[in-house]
PDB file of N, CA and C in Angstrom:
ATOM      1  N   MET A   1      40.349  15.178 -42.986  1.00  0.00           N
ATOM      2  CA  MET A   1      39.226  14.385 -42.525  1.00  0.00           C
ATOM      3  C   MET A   1      38.176  15.314 -41.945  1.00  0.00           C
ATOM      4  N   ASP A   2      36.914  15.024 -42.250  1.00  0.00           N
ATOM      5  CA  ASP A   2      35.796  15.797 -41.726  1.00  0.00           C
ATOM      6  C   ASP A   2      35.316  15.138 -40.435  1.00  0.00           C
ATOM      7  N   LYS A   3      35.749  15.676 -39.289  1.00  0.00           N
ATOM      8  CA  LYS A   3      35.385  15.088 -37.999  1.00  0.00           C
ATOM      9  C   LYS A   3      33.956  15.420 -37.590  1.00  0.00           C
ATOM     10  N   GLY A   4      33.251  16.248 -38.365  1.00  0.00           N
ATOM     11  CA  GLY A   4      31.864  16.564 -38.083  1.00  0.00           C
ATOM     12  C   GLY A   4      30.910  15.468 -38.518  1.00  0.00           C
ATOM     13  N   LYS A   5      31.401  14.478 -39.227  1.00  0.00           N
ATOM     14  CA  LYS A   5      30.572  13.365 -39.694  1.00  0.00           C
ATOM     15  C   LYS A   5      30.723  12.192 -38.729  1.00  0.00           C
ATOM     16  N   ASN A   6      29.770  11.263 -38.752  1.00  0.00           N
ATOM     17  CA  ASN A   6      29.789  10.105 -37.856  1.00  0.00           C
ATOM     18  C   ASN A   6      30.721   8.991 -38.320  1.00  0.00           C
ATOM     19  N   THR A   7      31.079   9.015 -39.596  1.00  0.00           N
ATOM     20  CA  THR A   7      31.991   8.025 -40.159  1.00  0.00           C
ATOM     21  C   THR A   7      33.124   8.770 -40.853  1.00  0.00           C
ATOM     22  N   PRO A   8      34.281   8.129 -41.036  1.00  0.00           N
ATOM     23  CA  PRO A   8      35.412   8.829 -41.638  1.00  0.00           C
ATOM     24  C   PRO A   8      35.159   9.232 -43.083  1.00  0.00           C
ATOM     25  N   HIS A   9      35.473  10.458 -43.385  1.00  0.00           N
ATOM     26  CA  HIS A   9      35.371  11.008 -44.743  1.00  0.00           C
ATOM     27  C   HIS A   9      36.683  11.751 -44.985  1.00  0.00           C
ATOM     28  N   ILE A  10      37.486  11.229 -45.911  1.00  0.00           N
ATOM     29  CA  ILE A  10      38.833  11.751 -46.127  1.00  0.00           C
ATOM     30  C   ILE A  10      38.942  12.319 -47.531  1.00  0.00           C
ATOM     31  N   VAL A  11      39.571  13.486 -47.646  1.00  0.00           N
ATOM     32  CA  VAL A  11      39.877  14.082 -48.942  1.00  0.00           C
ATOM     33  C   VAL A  11      41.388  14.090 -49.086  1.00  0.00           C
ATOM     34  N   TYR A  12      41.886  13.457 -50.143  1.00  0.00           N
ATOM     35  CA  TYR A  12      43.320  13.407 -50.415  1.00  0.00           C
ATOM     36  C   TYR A  12      43.601  14.221 -51.666  1.00  0.00           C
ATOM     37  N   LYS A  13      44.589  15.109 -51.591  1.00  0.00           N
ATOM     38  CA  LYS A  13      45.020  15.896 -52.745  1.00  0.00           C
ATOM     39  C   LYS A  13      46.482  15.583 -52.999  1.00  0.00           C
ATOM     40  N   GLY A  14      46.792  15.144 -54.207  1.00  0.00           N
ATOM     41  CA  GLY A  14      48.155  14.753 -54.518  1.00  0.00           C
ATOM     42  C   GLY A  14      48.458  14.922 -55.997  1.00  0.00           C
ATOM     43  N   GLN A  15      49.164  13.941 -56.554  1.00  0.00           N
ATOM     44  CA  GLN A  15      49.604  13.979 -57.939  1.00  0.00           C
ATOM     45  C   GLN A  15      49.092  12.735 -58.677  1.00  0.00           C
ATOM     46  N   PRO A  16      48.911  12.835 -60.007  1.00  0.00           N
ATOM     47  CA  PRO A  16      48.548  11.646 -60.772  1.00  0.00           C
ATOM     48  C   PRO A  16      49.545  10.516 -60.519  1.00  0.00           C
ATOM     49  N   GLY A  17      49.033   9.308 -60.364  1.00  0.00           N
ATOM     50  CA  GLY A  17      49.879   8.153 -60.122  1.00  0.00           C
ATOM     51  C   GLY A  17      50.185   7.874 -58.662  1.00  0.00           C
ATOM     52  N   ASP A  18      49.775   8.749 -57.748  1.00  0.00           N
ATOM     53  CA  ASP A  18      49.995   8.493 -56.324  1.00  0.00           C
ATOM     54  C   ASP A  18      49.297   7.192 -55.916  1.00  0.00           C
ATOM     55  N   VAL A  19      49.951   6.435 -55.074  1.00  0.00           N
ATOM     56  CA  VAL A  19      49.389   5.192 -54.537  1.00  0.00           C
ATOM     57  C   VAL A  19      49.162   5.396 -53.046  1.00  0.00           C
ATOM     58  N   LEU A  20      47.943   5.117 -52.583  1.00  0.00           N
ATOM     59  CA  LEU A  20      47.573   5.322 -51.184  1.00  0.00           C
ATOM     60  C   LEU A  20      47.175   4.015 -50.535  1.00  0.00           C
ATOM     61  N   THR A  21      47.557   3.871 -49.273  1.00  0.00           N
ATOM     62  CA  THR A  21      47.035   2.800 -48.433  1.00  0.00           C
ATOM     63  C   THR A  21      46.472   3.477 -47.194  1.00  0.00           C
ATOM     64  N   ILE A  22      45.214   3.198 -46.901  1.00  0.00           N
ATOM     65  CA  ILE A  22      44.536   3.811 -45.762  1.00  0.00           C
ATOM     66  C   ILE A  22      44.118   2.702 -44.810  1.00  0.00           C
ATOM     67  N   LYS A  23      44.564   2.821 -43.544  1.00  0.00           N
ATOM     68  CA  LYS A  23      44.207   1.839 -42.522  1.00  0.00           C
ATOM     69  C   LYS A  23      43.378   2.523 -41.447  1.00  0.00           C
ATOM     70  N   TYR A  24      42.228   1.954 -41.147  1.00  0.00           N
ATOM     71  CA  TYR A  24      41.344   2.436 -40.098  1.00  0.00           C
ATOM     72  C   TYR A  24      41.620   1.575 -38.865  1.00  0.00           C
ATOM     73  N   ILE A  25      42.133   2.195 -37.789  1.00  0.00           N
ATOM     74  CA  ILE A  25      42.722   1.448 -36.681  1.00  0.00           C
ATOM     75  C   ILE A  25      42.012   1.737 -35.355  1.00  0.00           C
ATOM     76  N   SER A  26      41.810   0.663 -34.579  1.00  0.00           N
ATOM     77  CA  SER A  26      41.311   0.755 -33.215  1.00  0.00           C
ATOM     78  C   SER A  26      42.281  -0.020 -32.338  1.00  0.00           C
ATOM     79  N   GLY A  27      42.998   0.672 -31.467  1.00  0.00           N
ATOM     80  CA  GLY A  27      44.035   0.011 -30.668  1.00  0.00           C
ATOM     81  C   GLY A  27      45.127  -0.501 -31.588  1.00  0.00           C
ATOM     82  N   LYS A  28      45.386  -1.800 -31.538  1.00  0.00           N
ATOM     83  CA  LYS A  28      46.370  -2.410 -32.433  1.00  0.00           C
ATOM     84  C   LYS A  28      45.712  -3.134 -33.595  1.00  0.00           C
ATOM     85  N   GLU A  29      44.379  -3.089 -33.655  1.00  0.00           N
ATOM     86  CA  GLU A  29      43.626  -3.808 -34.680  1.00  0.00           C
ATOM     87  C   GLU A  29      43.298  -2.914 -35.876  1.00  0.00           C
ATOM     88  N   VAL A  30      43.605  -3.396 -37.065  1.00  0.00           N
ATOM     89  CA  VAL A  30      43.212  -2.714 -38.295  1.00  0.00           C
ATOM     90  C   VAL A  30      41.801  -3.187 -38.636  1.00  0.00           C
ATOM     91  N   LEU A  31      40.823  -2.274 -38.534  1.00  0.00           N
ATOM     92  CA  LEU A  31      39.428  -2.635 -38.787  1.00  0.00           C
ATOM     93  C   LEU A  31      39.125  -2.746 -40.276  1.00  0.00           C
ATOM     94  N   LYS A  32      39.828  -1.937 -41.070  1.00  0.00           N
ATOM     95  CA  LYS A  32      39.617  -1.949 -42.510  1.00  0.00           C
ATOM     96  C   LYS A  32      40.864  -1.360 -43.161  1.00  0.00           C
ATOM     97  N   GLU A  33      41.188  -1.857 -44.349  1.00  0.00           N
ATOM     98  CA  GLU A  33      42.315  -1.328 -45.102  1.00  0.00           C
ATOM     99  C   GLU A  33      41.897  -1.160 -46.559  1.00  0.00           C
ATOM    100  N   ASP A  34      42.166   0.011 -47.100  1.00  0.00           N
ATOM    101  CA  ASP A  34      41.884   0.323 -48.503  1.00  0.00           C
ATOM    102  C   ASP A  34      43.181   0.725 -49.182  1.00  0.00           C
ATOM    103  N   SER A  35      43.289   0.415 -50.466  1.00  0.00           N
ATOM    104  CA  SER A  35      44.452   0.813 -51.234  1.00  0.00           C
ATOM    105  C   SER A  35      43.986   1.176 -52.637  1.00  0.00           C
ATOM    106  N   PHE A  36      44.518   2.266 -53.167  1.00  0.00           N
ATOM    107  CA  PHE A  36      44.162   2.661 -54.529  1.00  0.00           C
ATOM    108  C   PHE A  36      45.223   3.556 -55.122  1.00  0.00           C
ATOM    109  N   GLU A  37      45.135   3.740 -56.436  1.00  0.00           N
ATOM    110  CA  GLU A  37      46.089   4.559 -57.177  1.00  0.00           C
ATOM    111  C   GLU A  37      45.330   5.614 -57.963  1.00  0.00           C
ATOM    112  N   LEU A  38      45.807   6.864 -57.895  1.00  0.00           N
ATOM    113  CA  LEU A  38      45.200   7.933 -58.683  1.00  0.00           C
ATOM    114  C   LEU A  38      45.540   7.713 -60.159  1.00  0.00           C
ATOM    115  N   SER A  39      44.586   7.955 -61.018  1.00  0.00           N
ATOM    116  CA  SER A  39      44.817   7.774 -62.452  1.00  0.00           C
ATOM    117  C   SER A  39      45.773   8.843 -62.981  1.00  0.00           C
ATOM    118  N   SER A  40      46.107   8.746 -64.248  1.00  0.00           N
ATOM    119  CA  SER A  40      47.063   9.682 -64.853  1.00  0.00           C
ATOM    120  C   SER A  40      46.510  11.093 -64.970  1.00  0.00           C
ATOM    121  N   THR A  41      45.206  11.287 -64.747  1.00  0.00           N
ATOM    122  CA  THR A  41      44.605  12.621 -64.841  1.00  0.00           C
ATOM    123  C   THR A  41      43.953  13.069 -63.522  1.00  0.00           C
ATOM    124  N   THR A  42      44.110  12.286 -62.460  1.00  0.00           N
ATOM    125  CA  THR A  42      43.451  12.585 -61.185  1.00  0.00           C
ATOM    126  C   THR A  42      44.445  13.152 -60.178  1.00  0.00           C
ATOM    127  N   THR A  43      44.051  14.234 -59.491  1.00  0.00           N
ATOM    128  CA  THR A  43      44.913  14.827 -58.468  1.00  0.00           C
ATOM    129  C   THR A  43      44.275  14.811 -57.078  1.00  0.00           C
ATOM    130  N   SER A  44      43.041  14.344 -56.958  1.00  0.00           N
ATOM    131  CA  SER A  44      42.424  14.260 -55.640  1.00  0.00           C
ATOM    132  C   SER A  44      41.372  13.155 -55.633  1.00  0.00           C
ATOM    133  N   VAL A  45      41.051  12.716 -54.426  1.00  0.00           N
ATOM    134  CA  VAL A  45      40.050  11.671 -54.265  1.00  0.00           C
ATOM    135  C   VAL A  45      39.365  11.856 -52.916  1.00  0.00           C
ATOM    136  N   GLN A  46      38.091  11.484 -52.854  1.00  0.00           N
ATOM    137  CA  GLN A  46      37.355  11.472 -51.604  1.00  0.00           C
ATOM    138  C   GLN A  46      37.032  10.021 -51.295  1.00  0.00           C
ATOM    139  N   THR A  47      37.253   9.631 -50.061  1.00  0.00           N
ATOM    140  CA  THR A  47      37.005   8.249 -49.675  1.00  0.00           C
ATOM    141  C   THR A  47      36.580   8.207 -48.216  1.00  0.00           C
ATOM    142  N   GLY A  48      36.158   7.060 -47.777  1.00  0.00           N
ATOM    143  CA  GLY A  48      35.749   6.899 -46.390  1.00  0.00           C
ATOM    144  C   GLY A  48      35.445   5.452 -46.089  1.00  0.00           C
ATOM    145  N   ALA A  49      34.866   5.226 -44.937  1.00  0.00           N
ATOM    146  CA  ALA A  49      34.516   3.880 -44.510  1.00  0.00           C
ATOM    147  C   ALA A  49      33.223   3.947 -43.714  1.00  0.00           C
ATOM    148  N   SER A  50      32.545   2.828 -43.634  1.00  0.00           N
ATOM    149  CA  SER A  50      31.290   2.778 -42.878  1.00  0.00           C
ATOM    150  C   SER A  50      31.554   2.286 -41.450  1.00  0.00           C
ATOM    151  N   ILE A  51      32.572   2.867 -40.832  1.00  0.00           N
ATOM    152  CA  ILE A  51      32.929   2.564 -39.446  1.00  0.00           C
ATOM    153  C   ILE A  51      32.614   3.804 -38.619  1.00  0.00           C
ATOM    154  N   TYR A  52      31.934   3.625 -37.502  1.00  0.00           N
ATOM    155  CA  TYR A  52      31.599   4.743 -36.623  1.00  0.00           C
ATOM    156  C   TYR A  52      32.884   5.359 -36.074  1.00  0.00           C
ATOM    157  N   ASN A  53      33.013   6.676 -36.150  1.00  0.00           N
ATOM    158  CA  ASN A  53      34.215   7.367 -35.664  1.00  0.00           C
ATOM    159  C   ASN A  53      34.537   7.031 -34.207  1.00  0.00           C
ATOM    160  N   GLY A  54      33.505   6.793 -33.403  1.00  0.00           N
ATOM    161  CA  GLY A  54      33.717   6.451 -31.997  1.00  0.00           C
ATOM    162  C   GLY A  54      34.426   5.125 -31.807  1.00  0.00           C
ATOM    163  N   ASP A  55      34.423   4.272 -32.842  1.00  0.00           N
ATOM    164  CA  ASP A  55      35.107   2.985 -32.777  1.00  0.00           C
ATOM    165  C   ASP A  55      36.550   3.065 -33.266  1.00  0.00           C
ATOM    166  N   LEU A  56      36.957   4.226 -33.752  1.00  0.00           N
ATOM    167  CA  LEU A  56      38.302   4.401 -34.304  1.00  0.00           C
ATOM    168  C   LEU A  56      39.204   5.155 -33.341  1.00  0.00           C
ATOM    169  N   GLU A  57      40.464   4.763 -33.324  1.00  0.00           N
ATOM    170  CA  GLU A  57      41.477   5.514 -32.586  1.00  0.00           C
ATOM    171  C   GLU A  57      42.209   6.459 -33.533  1.00  0.00           C
ATOM    172  N   ARG A  58      42.577   5.901 -34.724  1.00  0.00           N
ATOM    173  CA  ARG A  58      43.308   6.721 -35.687  1.00  0.00           C
ATOM    174  C   ARG A  58      43.171   6.124 -37.079  1.00  0.00           C
ATOM    175  N   ILE A  59      43.563   6.938 -38.045  1.00  0.00           N
ATOM    176  CA  ILE A  59      43.624   6.508 -39.440  1.00  0.00           C
ATOM    177  C   ILE A  59      45.043   6.751 -39.905  1.00  0.00           C
ATOM    178  N   GLN A  60      45.642   5.734 -40.508  1.00  0.00           N
ATOM    179  CA  GLN A  60      47.007   5.835 -41.009  1.00  0.00           C
ATOM    180  C   GLN A  60      46.963   5.847 -42.531  1.00  0.00           C
ATOM    181  N   ILE A  61      47.599   6.843 -43.125  1.00  0.00           N
ATOM    182  CA  ILE A  61      47.635   6.963 -44.582  1.00  0.00           C
ATOM    183  C   ILE A  61      49.088   6.935 -45.032  1.00  0.00           C
ATOM    184  N   ASN A  62      49.401   6.004 -45.915  1.00  0.00           N
ATOM    185  CA  ASN A  62      50.721   5.925 -46.540  1.00  0.00           C
ATOM    186  C   ASN A  62      50.543   6.294 -48.000  1.00  0.00           C
ATOM    187  N   ALA A  63      51.397   7.180 -48.500  1.00  0.00           N
ATOM    188  CA  ALA A  63      51.299   7.617 -49.893  1.00  0.00           C
ATOM    189  C   ALA A  63      52.677   7.654 -50.528  1.00  0.00           C
ATOM    190  N   HIS A  64      52.732   7.210 -51.775  1.00  0.00           N
ATOM    191  CA  HIS A  64      53.951   7.373 -52.564  1.00  0.00           C
ATOM    192  C   HIS A  64      53.545   7.495 -54.025  1.00  0.00           C
ATOM    193  N   GLY A  65      54.402   8.104 -54.803  1.00  0.00           N
ATOM    194  CA  GLY A  65      54.073   8.326 -56.203  1.00  0.00           C
ATOM    195  C   GLY A  65      55.315   8.454 -57.049  1.00  0.00           C
ATOM    196  N   THR A  66      55.107   8.974 -58.253  1.00  0.00           N
ATOM    197  CA  THR A  66      56.200   9.101 -59.206  1.00  0.00           C
ATOM    198  C   THR A  66      57.010  10.379 -58.983  1.00  0.00           C
ATOM    199  N   VAL A  67      56.435  11.346 -58.269  1.00  0.00           N
ATOM    200  CA  VAL A  67      57.150  12.585 -57.926  1.00  0.00           C
ATOM    201  C   VAL A  67      57.027  12.819 -56.426  1.00  0.00           C
ATOM    202  N   GLY A  68      57.917  13.607 -55.891  1.00  0.00           N
ATOM    203  CA  GLY A  68      57.838  13.953 -54.471  1.00  0.00           C
ATOM    204  C   GLY A  68      58.388  12.855 -53.583  1.00  0.00           C
ATOM    205  N   THR A  69      58.170  13.051 -52.294  1.00  0.00           N
ATOM    206  CA  THR A  69      58.687  12.146 -51.286  1.00  0.00           C
ATOM    207  C   THR A  69      57.554  11.322 -50.709  1.00  0.00           C
ATOM    208  N   ALA A  70      57.775  10.030 -50.564  1.00  0.00           N
ATOM    209  CA  ALA A  70      56.769   9.172 -49.940  1.00  0.00           C
ATOM    210  C   ALA A  70      56.543   9.628 -48.505  1.00  0.00           C
ATOM    211  N   GLY A  71      55.326   9.418 -48.000  1.00  0.00           N
ATOM    212  CA  GLY A  71      55.045   9.875 -46.662  1.00  0.00           C
ATOM    213  C   GLY A  71      53.964   9.062 -45.978  1.00  0.00           C
ATOM    214  N   GLU A  72      53.846   9.314 -44.693  1.00  0.00           N
ATOM    215  CA  GLU A  72      52.844   8.651 -43.869  1.00  0.00           C
ATOM    216  C   GLU A  72      52.267   9.686 -42.924  1.00  0.00           C
ATOM    217  N   CYS A  73      50.966   9.632 -42.720  1.00  0.00           N
ATOM    218  CA  CYS A  73      50.360  10.513 -41.724  1.00  0.00           C
ATOM    219  C   CYS A  73      49.372   9.709 -40.892  1.00  0.00           C
ATOM    220  N   HIS A  74      49.149  10.206 -39.674  1.00  0.00           N
ATOM    221  CA  HIS A  74      48.192   9.594 -38.751  1.00  0.00           C
ATOM    222  C   HIS A  74      47.180  10.653 -38.376  1.00  0.00           C
ATOM    223  N   ILE A  75      45.921  10.334 -38.549  1.00  0.00           N
ATOM    224  CA  ILE A  75      44.840  11.226 -38.137  1.00  0.00           C
ATOM    225  C   ILE A  75      44.253  10.642 -36.852  1.00  0.00           C
ATOM    226  N   ILE A  76      44.365  11.375 -35.769  1.00  0.00           N
ATOM    227  CA  ILE A  76      43.819  10.917 -34.492  1.00  0.00           C
ATOM    228  C   ILE A  76      42.308  11.179 -34.498  1.00  0.00           C
ATOM    229  N   VAL A  77      41.527  10.139 -34.261  1.00  0.00           N
ATOM    230  CA  VAL A  77      40.063  10.262 -34.337  1.00  0.00           C
ATOM    231  C   VAL A  77      39.471  10.279 -32.931  1.00  0.00           C
ATOM    232  N   GLY A  78      39.820   9.318 -32.107  1.00  0.00           N
ATOM    233  CA  GLY A  78      39.193   9.168 -30.795  1.00  0.00           C
ATOM    234  C   GLY A  78      39.988   9.775 -29.690  1.00  0.00           C
TER     235      GLY A  78
END
């Protein structure tokens, strides 16, 4: 995540077929949730939201795919 920007900008690098769920969270409230799947020829994606970083506590990313181990990460924003 590029914390130098005013809104979240995330770069994900993975494998073709990876499925991602990204939750933008403030306290216990999910402000926005996105989900997408990398195509059979895609290994990275750039995404974000039009939410001010100051309104976010963290971003939770869940990823799983056809290879590797499923995982979850939390990016602390505020």
